[in-house]
Amino acid sequence: EGVEKDLQATILLEAKCQKAQGFLYSKAVPA
């Protein structure tokens, strides 16, 4: 949760984390 930077996503991917959510991709939006 709370991924906001590309480098954070890269570190998580290298650690084999499957998914991420946060402002790097999108805030919560209506249906």
PDB file of all heavy atoms in Angstrom:
ATOM      1  N   GLU A   1       0.835  -1.200   0.000  1.00  0.00           N
ATOM      2  CA  GLU A   1       0.000   0.000   0.000  1.00  0.00           C
ATOM      3  C   GLU A   1       0.875   1.258   0.000  1.00  0.00           C
ATOM      4  O   GLU A   1       2.008   1.237   0.473  1.00  0.00           O
ATOM      5  CB  GLU A   1      -0.892   0.045   1.239  1.00  0.00           C
ATOM      6  CG  GLU A   1      -1.917  -1.071   1.308  1.00  0.00           C
ATOM      7  CD  GLU A   1      -2.801  -0.932   2.543  1.00  0.00           C
ATOM      8  OE1 GLU A   1      -2.276  -1.022   3.659  1.00  0.00           O
ATOM      9  OE2 GLU A   1      -4.015  -0.738   2.373  1.00  0.00           O
ATOM     10  N   GLY A   2       0.338   2.343  -0.540  1.00  0.00           N
ATOM     11  CA  GLY A   2       1.002   3.636  -0.446  1.00  0.00           C
ATOM     12  C   GLY A   2       2.201   3.793  -1.352  1.00  0.00           C
ATOM     13  O   GLY A   2       3.119   4.570  -1.033  1.00  0.00           O
ATOM     14  N   VAL A   3       2.224   3.101  -2.486  1.00  0.00           N
ATOM     15  CA  VAL A   3       3.348   3.230  -3.422  1.00  0.00           C
ATOM     16  C   VAL A   3       3.183   4.521  -4.219  1.00  0.00           C
ATOM     17  O   VAL A   3       2.157   4.725  -4.882  1.00  0.00           O
ATOM     18  CB  VAL A   3       3.413   2.011  -4.362  1.00  0.00           C
ATOM     19  CG1 VAL A   3       4.560   2.179  -5.361  1.00  0.00           C
ATOM     20  CG2 VAL A   3       3.589   0.732  -3.550  1.00  0.00           C
ATOM     21  N   GLU A   4       4.184   5.381  -4.160  1.00  0.00           N
ATOM     22  CA  GLU A   4       4.092   6.691  -4.804  1.00  0.00           C
ATOM     23  C   GLU A   4       5.235   6.970  -5.778  1.00  0.00           C
ATOM     24  O   GLU A   4       5.181   7.940  -6.525  1.00  0.00           O
ATOM     25  CB  GLU A   4       4.055   7.792  -3.736  1.00  0.00           C
ATOM     26  CG  GLU A   4       2.861   7.681  -2.798  1.00  0.00           C
ATOM     27  CD  GLU A   4       2.837   8.781  -1.745  1.00  0.00           C
ATOM     28  OE1 GLU A   4       3.805   9.583  -1.712  1.00  0.00           O
ATOM     29  OE2 GLU A   4       1.869   8.844  -0.971  1.00  0.00           O
ATOM     30  N   LYS A   5       6.286   6.116  -5.765  1.00  0.00           N
ATOM     31  CA  LYS A   5       7.453   6.378  -6.600  1.00  0.00           C
ATOM     32  C   LYS A   5       7.822   5.132  -7.403  1.00  0.00           C
ATOM     33  O   LYS A   5       7.640   4.009  -6.941  1.00  0.00           O
ATOM     34  CB  LYS A   5       8.640   6.809  -5.732  1.00  0.00           C
ATOM     35  CG  LYS A   5       8.366   8.057  -4.904  1.00  0.00           C
ATOM     36  CD  LYS A   5       9.544   8.366  -3.973  1.00  0.00           C
ATOM     37  CE  LYS A   5       9.254   9.569  -3.098  1.00  0.00           C
ATOM     38  NZ  LYS A   5      10.358   9.846  -2.154  1.00  0.00           N
ATOM     39  N   ASP A   6       8.376   5.388  -8.595  1.00  0.00           N
ATOM     40  CA  ASP A   6       8.794   4.266  -9.451  1.00  0.00           C
ATOM     41  C   ASP A   6       9.837   3.401  -8.764  1.00  0.00           C
ATOM     42  O   ASP A   6       9.815   2.162  -8.886  1.00  0.00           O
ATOM     43  CB  ASP A   6       9.365   4.811 -10.768  1.00  0.00           C
ATOM     44  CG  ASP A   6       8.275   5.366 -11.680  1.00  0.00           C
ATOM     45  OD1 ASP A   6       7.180   4.776 -11.712  1.00  0.00           O
ATOM     46  OD2 ASP A   6       8.523   6.389 -12.342  1.00  0.00           O
ATOM     47  N   LEU A   7      10.778   4.036  -8.052  1.00  0.00           N
ATOM     48  CA  LEU A   7      11.839   3.270  -7.400  1.00  0.00           C
ATOM     49  C   LEU A   7      11.275   2.354  -6.321  1.00  0.00           C
ATOM     50  O   LEU A   7      11.761   1.232  -6.129  1.00  0.00           O
ATOM     51  CB  LEU A   7      12.875   4.225  -6.792  1.00  0.00           C
ATOM     52  CG  LEU A   7      14.114   3.576  -6.165  1.00  0.00           C
ATOM     53  CD1 LEU A   7      14.792   2.641  -7.154  1.00  0.00           C
ATOM     54  CD2 LEU A   7      15.093   4.638  -5.683  1.00  0.00           C
ATOM     55  N   GLN A   8      10.234   2.804  -5.652  1.00  0.00           N
ATOM     56  CA  GLN A   8       9.579   1.943  -4.656  1.00  0.00           C
ATOM     57  C   GLN A   8       8.997   0.709  -5.328  1.00  0.00           C
ATOM     58  O   GLN A   8       9.143  -0.417  -4.827  1.00  0.00           O
ATOM     59  CB  GLN A   8       8.467   2.731  -3.942  1.00  0.00           C
ATOM     60  CG  GLN A   8       8.981   3.864  -3.059  1.00  0.00           C
ATOM     61  CD  GLN A   8       7.852   4.710  -2.496  1.00  0.00           C
ATOM     62  OE1 GLN A   8       6.722   4.647  -2.969  1.00  0.00           O
ATOM     63  NE2 GLN A   8       8.165   5.533  -1.493  1.00  0.00           N
ATOM     64  N   ALA A   9       8.338   0.927  -6.462  1.00  0.00           N
ATOM     65  CA  ALA A   9       7.754  -0.199  -7.203  1.00  0.00           C
ATOM     66  C   ALA A   9       8.836  -1.167  -7.678  1.00  0.00           C
ATOM     67  O   ALA A   9       8.653  -2.400  -7.645  1.00  0.00           O
ATOM     68  CB  ALA A   9       6.951   0.326  -8.385  1.00  0.00           C
ATOM     69  N   THR A  10       9.967  -0.616  -8.108  1.00  0.00           N
ATOM     70  CA  THR A  10      11.073  -1.464  -8.583  1.00  0.00           C
ATOM     71  C   THR A  10      11.609  -2.339  -7.458  1.00  0.00           C
ATOM     72  O   THR A  10      11.856  -3.540  -7.641  1.00  0.00           O
ATOM     73  CB  THR A  10      12.203  -0.584  -9.143  1.00  0.00           C
ATOM     74  OG1 THR A  10      11.699   0.199 -10.218  1.00  0.00           O
ATOM     75  CG2 THR A  10      13.362  -1.437  -9.627  1.00  0.00           C
ATOM     76  N   ILE A  11      11.802  -1.744  -6.299  1.00  0.00           N
ATOM     77  CA  ILE A  11      12.306  -2.502  -5.144  1.00  0.00           C
ATOM     78  C   ILE A  11      11.335  -3.605  -4.763  1.00  0.00           C
ATOM     79  O   ILE A  11      11.729  -4.748  -4.481  1.00  0.00           O
ATOM     80  CB  ILE A  11      12.538  -1.552  -3.954  1.00  0.00           C
ATOM     81  CG1 ILE A  11      13.686  -0.598  -4.263  1.00  0.00           C
ATOM     82  CG2 ILE A  11      12.839  -2.342  -2.680  1.00  0.00           C
ATOM     83  CD1 ILE A  11      13.855   0.513  -3.229  1.00  0.00           C
ATOM     84  N   LEU A  12      10.052  -3.301  -4.794  1.00  0.00           N
ATOM     85  CA  LEU A  12       9.026  -4.294  -4.432  1.00  0.00           C
ATOM     86  C   LEU A  12       8.971  -5.417  -5.467  1.00  0.00           C
ATOM     87  O   LEU A  12       8.810  -6.604  -5.107  1.00  0.00           O
ATOM     88  CB  LEU A  12       7.662  -3.605  -4.314  1.00  0.00           C
ATOM     89  CG  LEU A  12       7.516  -2.655  -3.118  1.00  0.00           C
ATOM     90  CD1 LEU A  12       6.269  -1.793  -3.270  1.00  0.00           C
ATOM     91  CD2 LEU A  12       7.450  -3.447  -1.812  1.00  0.00           C
ATOM     92  N   LEU A  13       9.095  -5.072  -6.721  1.00  0.00           N
ATOM     93  CA  LEU A  13       9.092  -6.093  -7.771  1.00  0.00           C
ATOM     94  C   LEU A  13      10.280  -7.025  -7.616  1.00  0.00           C
ATOM     95  O   LEU A  13      10.154  -8.260  -7.744  1.00  0.00           O
ATOM     96  CB  LEU A  13       9.110  -5.421  -9.153  1.00  0.00           C
ATOM     97  CG  LEU A  13       9.193  -6.362 -10.362  1.00  0.00           C
ATOM     98  CD1 LEU A  13       7.981  -7.297 -10.398  1.00  0.00           C
ATOM     99  CD2 LEU A  13       9.283  -5.555 -11.658  1.00  0.00           C
ATOM    100  N   GLU A  14      11.453  -6.451  -7.347  1.00  0.00           N
ATOM    101  CA  GLU A  14      12.649  -7.280  -7.145  1.00  0.00           C
ATOM    102  C   GLU A  14      12.493  -8.202  -5.943  1.00  0.00           C
ATOM    103  O   GLU A  14      13.075  -9.293  -5.898  1.00  0.00           O
ATOM    104  CB  GLU A  14      13.865  -6.374  -6.957  1.00  0.00           C
ATOM    105  CG  GLU A  14      14.268  -5.631  -8.227  1.00  0.00           C
ATOM    106  CD  GLU A  14      15.397  -4.640  -7.967  1.00  0.00           C
ATOM    107  OE1 GLU A  14      15.760  -4.454  -6.774  1.00  0.00           O
ATOM    108  OE2 GLU A  14      15.906  -4.052  -8.936  1.00  0.00           O
ATOM    109  N   ALA A  15      11.696  -7.778  -4.980  1.00  0.00           N
ATOM    110  CA  ALA A  15      11.466  -8.606  -3.789  1.00  0.00           C
ATOM    111  C   ALA A  15      10.341  -9.610  -4.004  1.00  0.00           C
ATOM    112  O   ALA A  15       9.955 -10.318  -3.070  1.00  0.00           O
ATOM    113  CB  ALA A  15      11.148  -7.713  -2.596  1.00  0.00           C
ATOM    114  N   LYS A  16       9.771  -9.631  -5.256  1.00  0.00           N
ATOM    115  CA  LYS A  16       8.713 -10.580  -5.640  1.00  0.00           C
ATOM    116  C   LYS A  16       7.366 -10.259  -4.985  1.00  0.00           C
ATOM    117  O   LYS A  16       6.561 -11.157  -4.721  1.00  0.00           O
ATOM    118  CB  LYS A  16       9.113 -12.023  -5.332  1.00  0.00           C
ATOM    119  CG  LYS A  16      10.313 -12.498  -6.129  1.00  0.00           C
ATOM    120  CD  LYS A  16      10.592 -13.971  -5.846  1.00  0.00           C
ATOM    121  CE  LYS A  16      11.571 -14.584  -6.787  1.00  0.00           C
ATOM    122  NZ  LYS A  16      12.814 -13.991  -6.985  1.00  0.00           N
ATOM    123  N   CYS A  17       7.142  -8.976  -4.712  1.00  0.00           N
ATOM    124  CA  CYS A  17       5.816  -8.544  -4.257  1.00  0.00           C
ATOM    125  C   CYS A  17       4.893  -8.565  -5.482  1.00  0.00           C
ATOM    126  O   CYS A  17       5.236  -8.021  -6.533  1.00  0.00           O
ATOM    127  CB  CYS A  17       5.889  -7.136  -3.673  1.00  0.00           C
ATOM    128  SG  CYS A  17       4.306  -6.467  -3.148  1.00  0.00           S
ATOM    129  N   GLN A  18       3.715  -9.200  -5.358  1.00  0.00           N
ATOM    130  CA  GLN A  18       2.851  -9.386  -6.533  1.00  0.00           C
ATOM    131  C   GLN A  18       2.153  -8.108  -6.992  1.00  0.00           C
ATOM    132  O   GLN A  18       2.116  -7.803  -8.184  1.00  0.00           O
ATOM    133  CB  GLN A  18       1.776 -10.452  -6.251  1.00  0.00           C
ATOM    134  CG  GLN A  18       2.310 -11.871  -6.266  1.00  0.00           C
ATOM    135  CD  GLN A  18       2.639 -12.356  -4.871  1.00  0.00           C
ATOM    136  OE1 GLN A  18       2.946 -11.552  -3.995  1.00  0.00           O
ATOM    137  NE2 GLN A  18       2.602 -13.668  -4.662  1.00  0.00           N
ATOM    138  N   LYS A  19       1.559  -7.347  -6.030  1.00  0.00           N
ATOM    139  CA  LYS A  19       0.754  -6.199  -6.432  1.00  0.00           C
ATOM    140  C   LYS A  19       1.096  -4.965  -5.596  1.00  0.00           C
ATOM    141  O   LYS A  19       1.666  -5.077  -4.512  1.00  0.00           O
ATOM    142  CB  LYS A  19      -0.742  -6.501  -6.294  1.00  0.00           C
ATOM    143  CG  LYS A  19      -1.276  -7.530  -7.274  1.00  0.00           C
ATOM    144  CD  LYS A  19      -2.780  -7.706  -7.096  1.00  0.00           C
ATOM    145  CE  LYS A  19      -3.347  -8.711  -8.087  1.00  0.00           C
ATOM    146  NZ  LYS A  19      -4.818  -8.864  -7.920  1.00  0.00           N
ATOM    147  N   ALA A  20       0.670  -3.814  -6.139  1.00  0.00           N
ATOM    148  CA  ALA A  20       0.865  -2.560  -5.410  1.00  0.00           C
ATOM    149  C   ALA A  20      -0.300  -1.632  -5.714  1.00  0.00           C
ATOM    150  O   ALA A  20      -0.931  -1.722  -6.770  1.00  0.00           O
ATOM    151  CB  ALA A  20       2.182  -1.906  -5.799  1.00  0.00           C
ATOM    152  N   GLN A  21      -0.577  -0.749  -4.761  1.00  0.00           N
ATOM    153  CA  GLN A  21      -1.578   0.285  -4.979  1.00  0.00           C
ATOM    154  C   GLN A  21      -1.075   1.576  -4.352  1.00  0.00           C
ATOM    155  O   GLN A  21      -0.296   1.554  -3.404  1.00  0.00           O
ATOM    156  CB  GLN A  21      -2.933  -0.112  -4.390  1.00  0.00           C
ATOM    157  CG  GLN A  21      -2.960  -0.212  -2.881  1.00  0.00           C
ATOM    158  CD  GLN A  21      -4.310  -0.687  -2.346  1.00  0.00           C
ATOM    159  OE1 GLN A  21      -4.547  -1.893  -2.247  1.00  0.00           O
ATOM    160  NE2 GLN A  21      -5.184   0.261  -2.003  1.00  0.00           N
ATOM    161  N   GLY A  22      -1.493   2.689  -4.921  1.00  0.00           N
ATOM    162  CA  GLY A  22      -1.036   3.978  -4.406  1.00  0.00           C
ATOM    163  C   GLY A  22      -1.135   5.048  -5.459  1.00  0.00           C
ATOM    164  O   GLY A  22      -1.540   4.801  -6.604  1.00  0.00           O
ATOM    165  N   PHE A  23      -0.743   6.266  -5.102  1.00  0.00           N
ATOM    166  CA  PHE A  23      -0.883   7.407  -5.998  1.00  0.00           C
ATOM    167  C   PHE A  23       0.002   7.303  -7.236  1.00  0.00           C
ATOM    168  O   PHE A  23      -0.212   8.011  -8.215  1.00  0.00           O
ATOM    169  CB  PHE A  23      -0.564   8.701  -5.250  1.00  0.00           C
ATOM    170  CG  PHE A  23      -1.621   9.095  -4.240  1.00  0.00           C
ATOM    171  CD1 PHE A  23      -1.390  10.106  -3.322  1.00  0.00           C
ATOM    172  CD2 PHE A  23      -2.838   8.438  -4.209  1.00  0.00           C
ATOM    173  CE1 PHE A  23      -2.363  10.472  -2.409  1.00  0.00           C
ATOM    174  CE2 PHE A  23      -3.815   8.787  -3.296  1.00  0.00           C
ATOM    175  CZ  PHE A  23      -3.585   9.808  -2.390  1.00  0.00           C
ATOM    176  N   LEU A  24       1.005   6.417  -7.207  1.00  0.00           N
ATOM    177  CA  LEU A  24       1.823   6.214  -8.409  1.00  0.00           C
ATOM    178  C   LEU A  24       0.945   5.734  -9.564  1.00  0.00           C
ATOM    179  O   LEU A  24       1.192   6.072 -10.725  1.00  0.00           O
ATOM    180  CB  LEU A  24       2.926   5.190  -8.123  1.00  0.00           C
ATOM    181  CG  LEU A  24       3.810   4.796  -9.314  1.00  0.00           C
ATOM    182  CD1 LEU A  24       4.592   6.018  -9.820  1.00  0.00           C
ATOM    183  CD2 LEU A  24       4.771   3.672  -8.923  1.00  0.00           C
ATOM    184  N   TYR A  25      -0.087   4.970  -9.244  1.00  0.00           N
ATOM    185  CA  TYR A  25      -0.970   4.394 -10.266  1.00  0.00           C
ATOM    186  C   TYR A  25      -2.290   5.154 -10.352  1.00  0.00           C
ATOM    187  O   TYR A  25      -2.716   5.558 -11.434  1.00  0.00           O
ATOM    188  CB  TYR A  25      -1.228   2.923  -9.959  1.00  0.00           C
ATOM    189  CG  TYR A  25       0.048   2.139  -9.758  1.00  0.00           C
ATOM    190  CD1 TYR A  25       0.456   1.734  -8.493  1.00  0.00           C
ATOM    191  CD2 TYR A  25       0.867   1.821 -10.848  1.00  0.00           C
ATOM    192  CE1 TYR A  25       1.636   1.031  -8.306  1.00  0.00           C
ATOM    193  CE2 TYR A  25       2.051   1.119 -10.676  1.00  0.00           C
ATOM    194  CZ  TYR A  25       2.434   0.735  -9.396  1.00  0.00           C
ATOM    195  OH  TYR A  25       3.607   0.050  -9.219  1.00  0.00           O
ATOM    196  N   SER A  26      -2.889   5.363  -9.209  1.00  0.00           N
ATOM    197  CA  SER A  26      -4.160   6.077  -9.206  1.00  0.00           C
ATOM    198  C   SER A  26      -4.644   6.270  -7.784  1.00  0.00           C
ATOM    199  O   SER A  26      -4.415   5.426  -6.921  1.00  0.00           O
ATOM    200  CB  SER A  26      -5.221   5.285  -9.991  1.00  0.00           C
ATOM    201  OG  SER A  26      -6.499   5.885  -9.848  1.00  0.00           O
ATOM    202  N   LYS A  27      -5.305   7.400  -7.547  1.00  0.00           N
ATOM    203  CA  LYS A  27      -6.018   7.544  -6.287  1.00  0.00           C
ATOM    204  C   LYS A  27      -7.329   6.780  -6.401  1.00  0.00           C
ATOM    205  O   LYS A  27      -7.668   6.251  -7.473  1.00  0.00           O
ATOM    206  CB  LYS A  27      -6.272   9.017  -5.995  1.00  0.00           C
ATOM    207  CG  LYS A  27      -7.184   9.697  -7.011  1.00  0.00           C
ATOM    208  CD  LYS A  27      -7.408  11.159  -6.641  1.00  0.00           C
ATOM    209  CE  LYS A  27      -8.374  11.809  -7.645  1.00  0.00           C
ATOM    210  NZ  LYS A  27      -8.638  13.230  -7.318  1.00  0.00           N
ATOM    211  N   ALA A  28      -8.093   6.699  -5.335  1.00  0.00           N
ATOM    212  CA  ALA A  28      -9.400   6.054  -5.388  1.00  0.00           C
ATOM    213  C   ALA A  28     -10.349   6.941  -6.191  1.00  0.00           C
ATOM    214  O   ALA A  28     -10.430   8.158  -5.956  1.00  0.00           O
ATOM    215  CB  ALA A  28      -9.927   5.841  -3.974  1.00  0.00           C
ATOM    216  N   VAL A  29     -11.069   6.350  -7.149  1.00  0.00           N
ATOM    217  CA  VAL A  29     -11.945   7.131  -8.044  1.00  0.00           C
ATOM    218  C   VAL A  29     -13.339   6.515  -8.065  1.00  0.00           C
ATOM    219  O   VAL A  29     -13.532   5.345  -7.700  1.00  0.00           O
ATOM    220  CB  VAL A  29     -11.358   7.182  -9.468  1.00  0.00           C
ATOM    221  CG1 VAL A  29     -10.029   7.928  -9.460  1.00  0.00           C
ATOM    222  CG2 VAL A  29     -11.189   5.776 -10.035  1.00  0.00           C
ATOM    223  N   PRO A  30     -14.352   7.265  -8.512  1.00  0.00           N
ATOM    224  CA  PRO A  30     -15.729   6.734  -8.579  1.00  0.00           C
ATOM    225  C   PRO A  30     -15.847   5.574  -9.565  1.00  0.00           C
ATOM    226  O   PRO A  30     -14.995   5.383 -10.436  1.00  0.00           O
ATOM    227  CB  PRO A  30     -16.548   7.939  -9.050  1.00  0.00           C
ATOM    228  CG  PRO A  30     -15.707   9.135  -8.728  1.00  0.00           C
ATOM    229  CD  PRO A  30     -14.288   8.675  -8.873  1.00  0.00           C
ATOM    230  N   ALA A  31     -16.947   4.838  -9.455  1.00  0.00           N
ATOM    231  CA  ALA A  31     -17.144   3.629 -10.265  1.00  0.00           C
ATOM    232  C   ALA A  31     -17.179   3.939 -11.756  1.00  0.00           C
ATOM    233  O   ALA A  31     -16.621   3.184 -12.573  1.00  0.00           O
ATOM    234  CB  ALA A  31     -18.426   2.929  -9.835  1.00  0.00           C
TER     235      ALA A  31
END
